[in-house]
Amino acid sequence: PIVIKPFNTTAMSYKREYHKRISIPYDGYVTYTYPASQSGGTGSVRYSGVAHEDVQVNILVDTDPFDDSVKGCNHHVDALTGSVVATEAAQVKSIREKGRQIGDTVV
């Protein structure tokens, strides 16, 4: 089934509109008869023309699920960045402490 949701204009979803006039030429003949009370007979009439129809197609693409997954990735990247910064700080602290210990031992 097709689910129609309100279009979210604040997200990265997008809308495309296409307009076109379609023209279809036609032609042919119509044969007719009329009764004998009117002198009877047959005939034909040629017809031709162009039929026009304006067509509009609106395409709405809902990217909300993708947008939500990007937000989730951003959260994980931020958490990873925080972990890297914390690890680097702990490494710098450890190097300083070990350097002091070595210095105290040598002196």
C-alpha atoms as a PDB file:
ATOM      1  CA  PRO A   1       0.000   0.000   0.000  1.00  0.00           C
ATOM      2  CA  ILE A   2       1.047   3.572  -0.610  1.00  0.00           C
ATOM      3  CA  VAL A   3       1.464   5.619   2.556  1.00  0.00           C
ATOM      4  CA  ILE A   4       0.999   9.355   2.166  1.00  0.00           C
ATOM      5  CA  LYS A   5       2.661  11.422   4.870  1.00  0.00           C
ATOM      6  CA  PRO A   6       2.749  15.196   5.218  1.00  0.00           C
ATOM      7  CA  PHE A   7       5.681  16.604   3.280  1.00  0.00           C
ATOM      8  CA  ASN A   8       8.451  17.626   5.682  1.00  0.00           C
ATOM      9  CA  THR A   9       9.781  20.939   4.380  1.00  0.00           C
ATOM     10  CA  THR A  10      12.419  21.292   7.118  1.00  0.00           C
ATOM     11  CA  ALA A  11      14.308  18.121   6.203  1.00  0.00           C
ATOM     12  CA  MET A  12      16.405  17.404   3.160  1.00  0.00           C
ATOM     13  CA  SER A  13      13.399  15.865   1.368  1.00  0.00           C
ATOM     14  CA  TYR A  14      12.706  17.315  -2.020  1.00  0.00           C
ATOM     15  CA  LYS A  15       9.970  17.923  -4.517  1.00  0.00           C
ATOM     16  CA  ARG A  16      10.113  18.004  -8.321  1.00  0.00           C
ATOM     17  CA  GLU A  17       7.353  19.251 -10.580  1.00  0.00           C
ATOM     18  CA  TYR A  18       7.037  18.536 -14.273  1.00  0.00           C
ATOM     19  CA  HIS A  19       4.553  20.177 -16.624  1.00  0.00           C
ATOM     20  CA  LYS A  20       3.948  19.229 -20.226  1.00  0.00           C
ATOM     21  CA  ARG A  21       1.303  19.765 -22.831  1.00  0.00           C
ATOM     22  CA  ILE A  22       0.647  16.638 -24.846  1.00  0.00           C
ATOM     23  CA  SER A  23      -0.696  17.129 -28.366  1.00  0.00           C
ATOM     24  CA  ILE A  24      -2.223  14.229 -30.285  1.00  0.00           C
ATOM     25  CA  PRO A  25      -3.276  14.713 -33.897  1.00  0.00           C
ATOM     26  CA  TYR A  26      -6.292  12.778 -35.145  1.00  0.00           C
ATOM     27  CA  ASP A  27      -8.098  12.392 -38.444  1.00  0.00           C
ATOM     28  CA  GLY A  28     -10.495  10.064 -40.194  1.00  0.00           C
ATOM     29  CA  TYR A  29     -13.795   9.701 -42.004  1.00  0.00           C
ATOM     30  CA  VAL A  30     -17.311   9.115 -40.768  1.00  0.00           C
ATOM     31  CA  THR A  31     -19.746   7.369 -43.083  1.00  0.00           C
ATOM     32  CA  TYR A  32     -23.423   8.100 -42.672  1.00  0.00           C
ATOM     33  CA  THR A  33     -26.724   6.994 -44.167  1.00  0.00           C
ATOM     34  CA  TYR A  34     -30.097   8.602 -44.128  1.00  0.00           C
ATOM     35  CA  PRO A  35     -33.480   7.022 -44.711  1.00  0.00           C
ATOM     36  CA  ALA A  36     -35.341   6.860 -48.004  1.00  0.00           C
ATOM     37  CA  SER A  37     -38.034   9.273 -46.716  1.00  0.00           C
ATOM     38  CA  GLN A  38     -35.392  11.967 -47.130  1.00  0.00           C
ATOM     39  CA  SER A  39     -34.427  10.856 -50.636  1.00  0.00           C
ATOM     40  CA  GLY A  40     -32.184   8.206 -49.086  1.00  0.00           C
ATOM     41  CA  GLY A  41     -28.470   7.950 -49.475  1.00  0.00           C
ATOM     42  CA  THR A  42     -25.058   7.685 -47.918  1.00  0.00           C
ATOM     43  CA  GLY A  43     -22.074   9.932 -47.575  1.00  0.00           C
ATOM     44  CA  SER A  44     -18.915  10.483 -45.640  1.00  0.00           C
ATOM     45  CA  VAL A  45     -17.312  13.376 -43.848  1.00  0.00           C
ATOM     46  CA  ARG A  46     -13.626  13.845 -43.144  1.00  0.00           C
ATOM     47  CA  TYR A  47     -12.578  15.122 -39.729  1.00  0.00           C
ATOM     48  CA  SER A  48      -9.210  16.126 -38.312  1.00  0.00           C
ATOM     49  CA  GLY A  49      -7.715  18.112 -35.491  1.00  0.00           C
ATOM     50  CA  VAL A  50      -5.351  18.077 -32.584  1.00  0.00           C
ATOM     51  CA  ALA A  51      -6.310  17.158 -29.025  1.00  0.00           C
ATOM     52  CA  HIS A  52      -4.339  18.838 -26.250  1.00  0.00           C
ATOM     53  CA  GLU A  53      -3.955  17.710 -22.672  1.00  0.00           C
ATOM     54  CA  ASP A  54      -1.940  19.470 -19.987  1.00  0.00           C
ATOM     55  CA  VAL A  55      -0.196  17.011 -17.678  1.00  0.00           C
ATOM     56  CA  GLN A  56       1.381  17.837 -14.338  1.00  0.00           C
ATOM     57  CA  VAL A  57       3.450  15.321 -12.372  1.00  0.00           C
ATOM     58  CA  ASN A  58       4.569  16.108  -8.821  1.00  0.00           C
ATOM     59  CA  ILE A  59       7.211  13.876  -7.273  1.00  0.00           C
ATOM     60  CA  LEU A  60       7.777  14.097  -3.529  1.00  0.00           C
ATOM     61  CA  VAL A  61      10.788  12.202  -2.190  1.00  0.00           C
ATOM     62  CA  ASP A  62      10.771  11.614   1.555  1.00  0.00           C
ATOM     63  CA  THR A  63      14.374  11.357   2.736  1.00  0.00           C
ATOM     64  CA  ASP A  64      13.472  11.359   6.434  1.00  0.00           C
ATOM     65  CA  PRO A  65      14.700   7.769   7.055  1.00  0.00           C
ATOM     66  CA  PHE A  66      18.050   8.592   5.434  1.00  0.00           C
ATOM     67  CA  ASP A  67      18.262  11.925   7.291  1.00  0.00           C
ATOM     68  CA  ASP A  68      17.632  10.103  10.574  1.00  0.00           C
ATOM     69  CA  SER A  69      20.391   7.583   9.837  1.00  0.00           C
ATOM     70  CA  VAL A  70      22.824  10.436   9.088  1.00  0.00           C
ATOM     71  CA  LYS A  71      21.940  12.004  12.425  1.00  0.00           C
ATOM     72  CA  GLY A  72      22.657   8.637  14.085  1.00  0.00           C
ATOM     73  CA  CYS A  73      26.036   8.451  12.336  1.00  0.00           C
ATOM     74  CA  ASN A  74      26.834  11.990  13.458  1.00  0.00           C
ATOM     75  CA  HIS A  75      26.154  10.961  17.057  1.00  0.00           C
ATOM     76  CA  HIS A  76      28.467   7.939  16.738  1.00  0.00           C
ATOM     77  CA  VAL A  77      31.203  10.020  15.083  1.00  0.00           C
ATOM     78  CA  ASP A  78      30.965  12.581  17.895  1.00  0.00           C
ATOM     79  CA  ALA A  79      31.252   9.797  20.481  1.00  0.00           C
ATOM     80  CA  LEU A  80      34.257   8.334  18.655  1.00  0.00           C
ATOM     81  CA  THR A  81      35.909  11.757  18.478  1.00  0.00           C
ATOM     82  CA  GLY A  82      35.421  12.149  22.221  1.00  0.00           C
ATOM     83  CA  SER A  83      36.996   8.735  22.813  1.00  0.00           C
ATOM     84  CA  VAL A  84      40.012   9.589  20.661  1.00  0.00           C
ATOM     85  CA  VAL A  85      40.531  12.890  22.501  1.00  0.00           C
ATOM     86  CA  ALA A  86      40.233  11.152  25.889  1.00  0.00           C
ATOM     87  CA  THR A  87      42.691   8.418  24.831  1.00  0.00           C
ATOM     88  CA  GLU A  88      45.192  10.990  23.582  1.00  0.00           C
ATOM     89  CA  ALA A  89      44.933  12.945  26.850  1.00  0.00           C
ATOM     90  CA  ALA A  90      45.493   9.756  28.868  1.00  0.00           C
ATOM     91  CA  GLN A  91      48.516   8.881  26.723  1.00  0.00           C
ATOM     92  CA  VAL A  92      50.058  12.340  27.189  1.00  0.00           C
ATOM     93  CA  LYS A  93      49.472  12.113  30.942  1.00  0.00           C
ATOM     94  CA  SER A  94      51.042   8.632  31.078  1.00  0.00           C
ATOM     95  CA  ILE A  95      54.101   9.763  29.101  1.00  0.00           C
ATOM     96  CA  ARG A  96      54.605  12.708  31.482  1.00  0.00           C
ATOM     97  CA  GLU A  97      54.264  10.499  34.560  1.00  0.00           C
ATOM     98  CA  LYS A  98      56.659   7.868  33.208  1.00  0.00           C
ATOM     99  CA  GLY A  99      59.100  10.620  32.235  1.00  0.00           C
ATOM    100  CA  ARG A 100      59.031  11.965  35.814  1.00  0.00           C
ATOM    101  CA  GLN A 101      59.505   8.483  37.249  1.00  0.00           C
ATOM    102  CA  ILE A 102      62.503   7.895  35.019  1.00  0.00           C
ATOM    103  CA  GLY A 103      63.887  11.310  35.906  1.00  0.00           C
ATOM    104  CA  ASP A 104      63.447  10.670  39.621  1.00  0.00           C
ATOM    105  CA  THR A 105      65.164   7.278  39.301  1.00  0.00           C
ATOM    106  CA  VAL A 106      68.135   8.654  37.393  1.00  0.00           C
ATOM    107  CA  VAL A 107      68.727  11.556  39.764  1.00  0.00           C
END
